[in-house]
Amino acid sequence: MKLKNTLLASALLTTATLSAHAATELTPEQAAALKPYDRVVVTGRFNAIGDAVQAVSRKADKDGAASFYVVDTSDYGNGGNWRVTADLYKDNAPQADAPKNRIINGVVELPKDQAVTLMPYDTVTVQGFYRSQPEVNDAITKAAKAKGAYAFFIVRQVDANQGGNQRITAYIYKKDAEKRVLQSPDAIPADSDAGRAALAKGGEAAKNVEIPASPPPQL
C-alpha cells in the first residue's frame, strides 16, 4: 500500500511538473504582436485538431519554447497524416515589427490612421468595371502616379450604375505632406452632394471633405 501511494504521488508530481512547464498556445492577437524565433513542422496521424495542438505543444516544450501558435494545418501525403506548421516564441519574445504599407505601381497605400493625419494635395477619380479590389487599386494608383503622387487613400468607392461599374475617388499625398489639422466639425460629409461635388472638383475644395469613419468596402 505504501509503495502504491508513493508511485501515485510520483505520478501526480510528474504531471504537475510537466503542466507547469508546458508551452502556452497563443491567441491570434497575441501571436501577431510577437516575433517568433523559429518555425517548426510536425507530421503525424491526428484524430482531431486538439491532438495536433498537443503534438505541437510537446515539440515546443522539447525545443524550450515558452509559447507557440499553429499557423497552418494540411493533409500530408494523402495517407491520413497531418502536416502542422507552428511558430515558436521565447518567454521574452520581442514585439513584432510594425506592418509596412503596401506599394502599388510605385505609390504607397496609406491606412486610415495615417491618412487622417496628413494633408492631401489633390484627388484622383477612376470609373469602370473592376472584378476585384486589386483591379481597383491598380487603376487608382496609375491615376495617382500620373499626378506625381507619393501615396494615396481611397475615400469613396460606389457603384456608378446598374451595370457593375464603379466610381472610385482617392486622396493623393506628396512624400513631404503637411500634417493635417484635426477635422473640423464643419467638414463636409463625403457622401453628401456637397462632398461629392468637392471631391470631383479636387484641389483645395477636396481638402474640406471629411475622411469617412470607416474604410471603403472591400470587394
Foldseek 3Di string as FASTA:
>chain_A
DVVVVVVVVVVVVVVVVCVVQFAAEDDPVVVLFFDFPDKDKDKDADPDVVRVVVVVRVVLSVVQFNYKYWDDWDDDPPPRMIIIMMTGHHPCTDTDDDDDFDAAPQATEDDPVVVQFFFFQKKDKDKDADPFVVSVVNVRVVRLVVVVFRYKAWQDWAAPDPPRMIMTMIGGHHPPTDTDDHQDPQQAECPDPQNVVQNVVIGPSNRSHDRDPDGYDGD
